[in-house]
């Protein structure tokens, strides 16, 4: 009897263990279901589209806006502003994700109109010197207040700035000139074209070489009276030859100037071997930076900031300085090439 009882105990324990194993079986994972996506395109040609996605069992939503930009939102609602002029069609993919990591996707196409009212432009189609009705120059070293300890002397000579074959060339070169070891050019529309709000597009190919510092930027037109940084500065594109492929977009204003500016960066492949489009969207609400129509930085504007009055445009190619950094001893010549500068009215 003792032997039989022992066998029964083993059997009961075994059955009990089997029962516990079945009770602890993992629950089946559930993917999002019934995904629907609604879109509302702004009628003011601003390029803004509002998206709303809803799905059962979803805890987050990934949006691929069809232009390389991706955003994640928890509640499925978001808005995005496209900036390519004209009426363009984008295929937007929305992916709903469950708490278990399972996904369900849906694609929608949206046609987005963006205002094409051109306010000002230079296409650089006339060979020779840049159009004097559109551009002036800062001449000298900037040691009187507008420089950053750079190594170049800015001139308006053909050796440093010219238009040929449909593009502007700003040329920095190593040469002894007026006490400096390099020359280059700094162009500006000050007194010729000033504007408040709009979209600025510049197609440019950047120079190669350690210490090169090309820039596409803007300054408040009241700089003579307000001074810097109270006038405001908007850097649409800055690049360091010492940091290949890295593009900077920045604003400078009181308490946020110099190295303390507000900005963002993005990586751009072949920035020195091909033309890329550098864009600023500027409105009373926001400033947004794009490269090749891909948004990479947004700054919220406000009434108390110096970004609500006229600005002018600058194109320049510095060498060295506080931002450009160490100059490669082998650098002798570099070219910042610009295909066009266009300003559209919002």
Protein backbone atom coordinates (compact mmCIF):
# COMPACT_ATOMS: atom_id res chain seq x y z
CA UNK A 1 0.00 0.00 0.00
CA UNK A 2 2.79 2.37 0.74
CA UNK A 3 4.25 1.69 -2.71
CA UNK A 4 0.90 2.35 -4.44
CA UNK A 5 0.31 5.51 -2.41
CA UNK A 6 3.73 6.85 -3.42
CA UNK A 7 2.99 6.25 -7.09
CA UNK A 8 -0.32 8.09 -6.78
CA UNK A 9 1.41 11.06 -5.17
CA UNK A 10 3.91 11.27 -8.05
CA UNK A 11 1.04 11.14 -10.55
CA UNK A 12 -0.88 13.89 -8.74
CA UNK A 13 2.18 16.15 -8.60
CA UNK A 14 2.80 15.57 -12.29
CA UNK A 15 -0.78 16.43 -13.21
CA UNK A 16 -0.65 19.50 -11.01
CA UNK A 17 2.53 20.70 -12.73
CA UNK A 18 0.93 20.17 -16.14
CA UNK A 19 -2.06 22.19 -15.04
CA UNK A 20 0.13 25.08 -13.89
CA UNK A 21 2.02 25.03 -17.22
CA UNK A 22 -1.21 25.45 -19.18
CA UNK A 23 -2.37 28.23 -16.87
CA UNK A 24 0.85 30.25 -17.54
CA UNK A 25 0.67 30.03 -21.34
CA UNK A 26 1.49 33.52 -22.78
CA UNK A 27 -1.46 35.50 -24.06
CA UNK A 28 -1.69 35.76 -27.84
CA UNK A 29 -0.24 39.03 -29.22
CA UNK A 30 -2.70 41.37 -30.90
CA UNK A 31 -1.88 43.59 -33.86
CA UNK A 32 -3.63 46.93 -34.48
CA UNK A 33 -6.87 46.53 -36.41
CA UNK A 34 -9.27 48.71 -38.40
CA UNK A 35 -6.68 51.40 -39.19
CA UNK A 36 -8.20 54.49 -40.82
CA UNK A 37 -6.40 57.65 -41.88
CA UNK A 38 -8.04 61.01 -42.59
CA UNK A 39 -6.33 64.04 -44.15
CA UNK A 40 -7.25 67.72 -44.30
CA UNK A 41 -5.21 69.86 -46.69
CA UNK A 42 -5.05 73.58 -45.89
CA UNK A 43 -6.84 75.75 -48.47
CA UNK A 44 -4.47 78.71 -48.08
CA UNK A 45 -1.67 77.14 -50.20
CA UNK A 46 0.59 77.09 -47.14
CA UNK A 47 1.38 73.39 -47.65
CA UNK A 48 0.01 72.34 -44.26
CA UNK A 49 -1.77 68.99 -43.99
CA UNK A 50 -3.52 67.69 -40.84
CA UNK A 51 -3.52 63.91 -40.40
CA UNK A 52 -5.69 61.82 -38.07
CA UNK A 53 -5.14 58.06 -37.70
CA UNK A 54 -7.24 55.69 -35.57
CA UNK A 55 -6.79 51.95 -34.99
CA UNK A 56 -7.93 49.41 -32.42
CA UNK A 57 -5.15 48.19 -30.07
CA UNK A 58 -2.70 50.90 -31.26
CA UNK A 59 -0.46 52.75 -28.81
CA UNK A 60 1.56 54.80 -31.32
CA UNK A 61 1.63 55.81 -34.98
CA UNK A 62 4.58 56.37 -37.32
CA UNK A 63 4.10 58.80 -40.20
CA UNK A 64 6.30 58.70 -43.30
CA UNK A 65 5.29 61.90 -45.09
CA UNK A 66 6.51 60.75 -48.49
CA UNK A 67 9.52 63.07 -48.65
CA UNK A 68 11.92 61.27 -46.34
CA UNK A 69 10.67 62.84 -43.11
CA UNK A 70 9.28 60.52 -40.40
CA UNK A 71 7.43 61.39 -37.21
CA UNK A 72 5.95 59.33 -34.34
CA UNK A 73 2.84 60.37 -32.44
CA UNK A 74 1.04 58.66 -29.58
CA UNK A 75 -2.53 59.73 -30.36
CA UNK A 76 -2.44 59.45 -34.15
CA UNK A 77 -2.99 63.16 -34.82
CA UNK A 78 -0.34 65.41 -36.32
CA UNK A 79 0.19 68.14 -38.91
CA UNK A 80 2.99 68.63 -41.40
CA UNK A 81 3.90 71.51 -43.71
CA UNK A 82 5.29 70.71 -47.15
CA UNK A 83 7.28 73.45 -48.87
CA UNK A 84 7.87 72.46 -52.51
CA UNK A 85 6.13 75.03 -54.76
CA UNK A 86 3.25 73.90 -56.95
CA UNK A 87 0.66 71.17 -56.51
CA UNK A 88 2.60 68.03 -55.60
CA UNK A 89 1.36 64.54 -54.75
CA UNK A 90 2.84 62.73 -51.75
CA UNK A 91 2.31 59.09 -50.77
CA UNK A 92 2.07 59.08 -46.98
CA UNK A 93 2.45 55.81 -45.09
CA UNK A 94 0.99 55.47 -41.59
CA UNK A 95 2.06 52.57 -39.39
CA UNK A 96 0.06 51.77 -36.25
CA UNK A 97 1.94 49.88 -33.52
CA UNK A 98 0.47 47.86 -30.65
CA UNK A 99 1.84 47.46 -27.12
CA UNK A 100 3.18 44.08 -28.23
CA UNK A 101 5.21 45.67 -31.03
CA UNK A 102 3.00 44.38 -33.85
CA UNK A 103 2.19 46.77 -36.69
CA UNK A 104 -0.42 47.51 -39.34
CA UNK A 105 0.19 50.00 -42.16
CA UNK A 106 -1.86 52.01 -44.61
CA UNK A 107 -0.88 54.43 -47.39
CA UNK A 108 -2.76 57.52 -48.50
CA UNK A 109 -2.01 59.99 -51.29
CA UNK A 110 -2.39 63.72 -50.74
CA UNK A 111 -2.14 66.55 -53.27
CA UNK A 112 -0.61 69.58 -51.56
CA UNK A 113 -0.70 73.06 -53.15
CA UNK A 114 2.07 75.47 -52.12
CA UNK A 115 2.08 79.13 -53.14
CA UNK A 116 4.38 79.87 -56.06
CA UNK A 117 4.27 83.66 -55.90
CA UNK A 118 7.89 84.63 -56.47
CA UNK A 119 8.86 87.77 -54.60
CA UNK A 120 12.53 88.09 -55.66
CA UNK A 121 15.19 85.93 -57.29
CA UNK A 122 18.57 85.77 -58.94
CA UNK A 123 19.11 82.91 -61.38
CA UNK A 124 22.73 83.96 -62.16
CA UNK A 125 22.25 83.58 -65.92
CA UNK A 126 24.28 86.63 -67.02
CA UNK A 127 28.04 86.03 -67.20
CA UNK A 128 30.35 88.53 -65.52
CA UNK A 129 29.92 90.34 -62.23
CA UNK A 130 26.77 89.65 -60.16
CA UNK A 131 23.86 92.03 -60.84
CA UNK A 132 24.70 95.30 -59.01
CA UNK A 133 20.98 96.08 -58.74
CA UNK A 134 20.61 93.03 -56.52
CA UNK A 135 23.93 92.65 -54.69
CA UNK A 136 26.41 94.77 -52.82
CA UNK A 137 29.57 93.73 -50.94
CA UNK A 138 31.20 93.95 -47.56
CA UNK A 139 34.84 94.79 -48.24
CA UNK A 140 37.69 94.16 -45.82
CA UNK A 141 38.47 91.91 -42.90
CA UNK A 142 35.52 92.47 -40.62
CA UNK A 143 37.85 93.54 -37.84
CA UNK A 144 35.63 96.59 -37.35
CA UNK A 145 32.87 94.49 -35.83
CA UNK A 146 31.33 92.12 -38.34
CA UNK A 147 34.03 89.48 -38.54
CA UNK A 148 34.77 86.35 -36.53
CA UNK A 149 38.57 86.30 -36.53
CA UNK A 150 38.65 84.81 -40.04
CA UNK A 151 41.77 84.64 -42.19
CA UNK A 152 40.40 86.15 -45.43
CA UNK A 153 40.12 89.65 -46.89
CA UNK A 154 36.77 90.15 -48.63
CA UNK A 155 36.88 91.79 -52.07
CA UNK A 156 34.55 92.36 -55.01
CA UNK A 157 37.20 91.32 -57.56
CA UNK A 158 36.43 88.91 -60.38
CA UNK A 159 39.06 86.59 -58.91
CA UNK A 160 36.78 86.18 -55.88
CA UNK A 161 33.25 86.52 -57.24
CA UNK A 162 31.79 86.03 -60.72
CA UNK A 163 28.94 84.50 -62.69
CA UNK A 164 29.58 81.97 -65.46
CA UNK A 165 27.79 79.03 -67.06
CA UNK A 166 24.60 79.76 -65.13
CA UNK A 167 26.02 79.80 -61.61
CA UNK A 168 27.54 82.22 -59.14
CA UNK A 169 31.06 81.37 -57.99
CA UNK A 170 32.40 82.75 -54.71
CA UNK A 171 36.09 81.86 -54.70
CA UNK A 172 38.36 81.76 -51.67
CA UNK A 173 42.04 81.47 -52.43
CA UNK A 174 45.34 81.56 -50.68
CA UNK A 175 47.19 84.78 -51.50
CA UNK A 176 48.78 87.62 -49.60
CA UNK A 177 46.40 90.57 -49.82
CA UNK A 178 46.15 93.68 -47.61
CA UNK A 179 47.71 91.92 -44.66
CA UNK A 180 45.72 88.71 -44.95
CA UNK A 181 46.74 85.30 -46.30
CA UNK A 182 43.46 84.54 -48.09
CA UNK A 183 40.84 86.39 -50.16
CA UNK A 184 37.15 85.72 -50.74
CA UNK A 185 33.82 87.56 -51.13
CA UNK A 186 30.80 88.47 -49.03
CA UNK A 187 27.67 89.53 -50.96
CA UNK A 188 24.50 91.05 -49.53
CA UNK A 189 21.15 92.47 -50.63
CA UNK A 190 21.13 95.17 -47.95
CA UNK A 191 19.52 98.36 -49.27
CA UNK A 192 18.49 96.56 -52.47
CA UNK A 193 16.12 93.85 -51.27
CA UNK A 194 14.70 93.55 -47.76
CA UNK A 195 11.65 91.51 -46.75
CA UNK A 196 9.62 90.17 -43.82
CA UNK A 197 8.44 86.54 -43.84
CA UNK A 198 8.56 84.17 -46.78
CA UNK A 199 10.32 81.11 -48.08
CA UNK A 200 13.96 81.35 -49.15
CA UNK A 201 15.38 78.66 -51.43
CA UNK A 202 19.04 78.49 -52.42
CA UNK A 203 20.60 75.80 -54.59
CA UNK A 204 24.29 75.52 -53.77
CA UNK A 205 27.33 73.27 -54.03
CA UNK A 206 29.78 73.72 -51.15
CA UNK A 207 33.59 73.96 -51.16
CA UNK A 208 36.07 71.35 -50.01
CA UNK A 209 38.87 71.88 -47.50
CA UNK A 210 39.62 72.12 -43.81
CA UNK A 211 38.87 75.62 -42.54
CA UNK A 212 36.36 76.50 -45.27
CA UNK A 213 33.19 78.16 -43.97
CA UNK A 214 30.50 78.89 -46.60
CA UNK A 215 27.26 80.49 -45.42
CA UNK A 216 23.79 81.42 -46.67
CA UNK A 217 22.17 83.69 -44.11
CA UNK A 218 20.21 86.82 -43.22
CA UNK A 219 20.53 89.83 -40.91
CA UNK A 220 17.92 92.24 -39.58
CA UNK A 221 17.83 95.36 -41.73
CA UNK A 222 17.93 97.51 -38.58
CA UNK A 223 21.42 96.32 -37.66
CA UNK A 224 22.87 99.83 -38.02
CA UNK A 225 20.62 101.14 -35.24
CA UNK A 226 19.82 98.05 -33.14
CA UNK A 227 23.22 96.39 -33.36
CA UNK A 228 23.91 92.67 -33.28
CA UNK A 229 22.39 90.37 -32.04
CA UNK A 230 19.41 92.64 -31.24
CA UNK A 231 18.72 92.93 -34.97
CA UNK A 232 18.45 89.14 -35.27
CA UNK A 233 20.42 86.73 -37.43
CA UNK A 234 19.05 83.74 -39.39
CA UNK A 235 21.61 81.27 -40.70
CA UNK A 236 19.92 79.27 -43.46
CA UNK A 237 23.02 77.15 -44.11
CA UNK A 238 26.49 77.01 -42.61
CA UNK A 239 29.10 74.35 -43.28
CA UNK A 240 32.53 73.54 -41.86
CA UNK A 241 35.05 71.92 -44.15
CA UNK A 242 36.39 70.29 -41.01
CA UNK A 243 33.02 68.55 -40.49
CA UNK A 244 32.13 67.02 -43.88
CA UNK A 245 28.43 66.47 -44.63
CA UNK A 246 27.22 68.33 -41.53
CA UNK A 247 24.87 71.27 -42.21
CA UNK A 248 23.97 73.88 -39.59
CA UNK A 249 20.79 75.99 -39.34
CA UNK A 250 20.76 78.60 -36.55
CA UNK A 251 19.18 81.77 -35.20
CA UNK A 252 21.02 84.35 -33.08
CA UNK A 253 19.24 86.85 -30.85
CA UNK A 254 19.73 88.48 -27.42
CA UNK A 255 20.88 85.94 -24.81
CA UNK A 256 21.20 83.37 -27.63
CA UNK A 257 24.11 84.58 -29.73
CA UNK A 258 27.39 83.16 -30.92
CA UNK A 259 27.94 79.62 -29.66
CA UNK A 260 24.71 79.97 -27.64
CA UNK A 261 22.50 80.34 -30.71
CA UNK A 262 19.38 78.22 -31.18
CA UNK A 263 19.86 75.72 -33.97
CA UNK A 264 19.89 72.26 -35.44
CA UNK A 265 22.03 70.17 -37.76
CA UNK A 266 21.57 67.49 -40.40
CA UNK A 267 23.87 65.27 -42.43
CA UNK A 268 23.93 65.66 -46.21
CA UNK A 269 25.82 63.25 -48.44
CA UNK A 270 27.93 64.69 -51.28
CA UNK A 271 27.38 68.27 -50.16
CA UNK A 272 30.56 69.35 -51.95
CA UNK A 273 30.04 67.34 -55.14
CA UNK A 274 26.43 68.14 -56.00
CA UNK A 275 23.91 70.94 -55.69
CA UNK A 276 21.47 70.75 -52.79
CA UNK A 277 18.48 72.97 -51.99
CA UNK A 278 18.72 74.84 -48.69
CA UNK A 279 15.38 76.28 -47.60
CA UNK A 280 14.04 78.51 -44.84
CA UNK A 281 10.31 78.90 -44.20
CA UNK A 282 9.79 82.04 -42.11
CA UNK A 283 6.46 83.08 -40.62
CA UNK A 284 5.18 84.91 -37.51
CA UNK A 285 4.70 81.51 -35.87
CA UNK A 286 7.75 79.48 -36.86
CA UNK A 287 11.04 79.30 -38.72
CA UNK A 288 11.69 75.93 -40.38
CA UNK A 289 14.89 74.65 -42.01
CA UNK A 290 15.01 72.10 -44.83
CA UNK A 291 17.62 70.45 -47.02
CA UNK A 292 16.25 69.02 -50.26
CA UNK A 293 12.73 69.54 -48.87
CA UNK A 294 13.43 67.49 -45.73
CA UNK A 295 12.70 69.36 -42.49
CA UNK A 296 15.42 69.11 -39.85
CA UNK A 297 14.94 72.05 -37.46
CA UNK A 298 12.02 74.19 -36.24
CA UNK A 299 12.21 77.35 -34.13
CA UNK A 300 9.08 78.91 -32.63
CA UNK A 301 8.78 82.61 -33.39
CA UNK A 302 7.11 85.11 -31.05
CA UNK A 303 6.24 88.80 -30.96
CA UNK A 304 9.11 89.63 -28.60
CA UNK A 305 11.81 88.12 -30.83
CA UNK A 306 13.73 90.05 -33.52
CA UNK A 307 12.36 87.89 -36.35
CA UNK A 308 9.33 89.96 -37.24
CA UNK A 309 10.79 92.78 -39.31
CA UNK A 310 12.76 93.23 -42.55
CA UNK A 311 15.90 91.16 -43.18
CA UNK A 312 18.41 91.07 -46.04
CA UNK A 313 20.28 88.11 -47.54
CA UNK A 314 24.02 87.38 -47.42
CA UNK A 315 26.17 84.86 -49.30
CA UNK A 316 29.78 84.50 -48.23
CA UNK A 317 32.72 82.12 -48.06
CA UNK A 318 34.95 82.60 -45.01
CA UNK A 319 38.19 80.85 -44.18
CA UNK A 320 39.10 79.83 -40.62
CA UNK A 321 37.77 81.91 -37.75
CA UNK A 322 35.84 80.96 -34.63
CA UNK A 323 33.50 78.66 -36.56
CA UNK A 324 35.57 77.56 -39.55
CA UNK A 325 38.40 76.34 -37.35
CA UNK A 326 41.86 75.15 -38.35
CA UNK A 327 42.82 75.74 -41.98
CA UNK A 328 44.33 72.83 -43.89
CA UNK A 329 47.85 73.93 -44.90
CA UNK A 330 47.25 72.27 -48.27
CA UNK A 331 44.20 74.46 -49.01
CA UNK A 332 44.91 76.90 -51.83
CA UNK A 333 41.54 77.48 -53.51
CA UNK A 334 37.86 76.59 -53.06
CA UNK A 335 34.58 77.50 -54.71
CA UNK A 336 31.10 78.01 -53.26
CA UNK A 337 28.79 77.64 -56.25
CA UNK A 338 25.19 78.92 -56.26
CA UNK A 339 22.65 78.03 -58.95
CA UNK A 340 19.87 80.33 -57.75
CA UNK A 341 18.43 82.33 -54.84
CA UNK A 342 14.62 82.56 -54.72
CA UNK A 343 12.29 84.21 -52.24
CA UNK A 344 8.60 83.33 -52.24
CA UNK A 345 5.88 85.24 -50.44
CA UNK A 346 3.95 83.27 -47.79
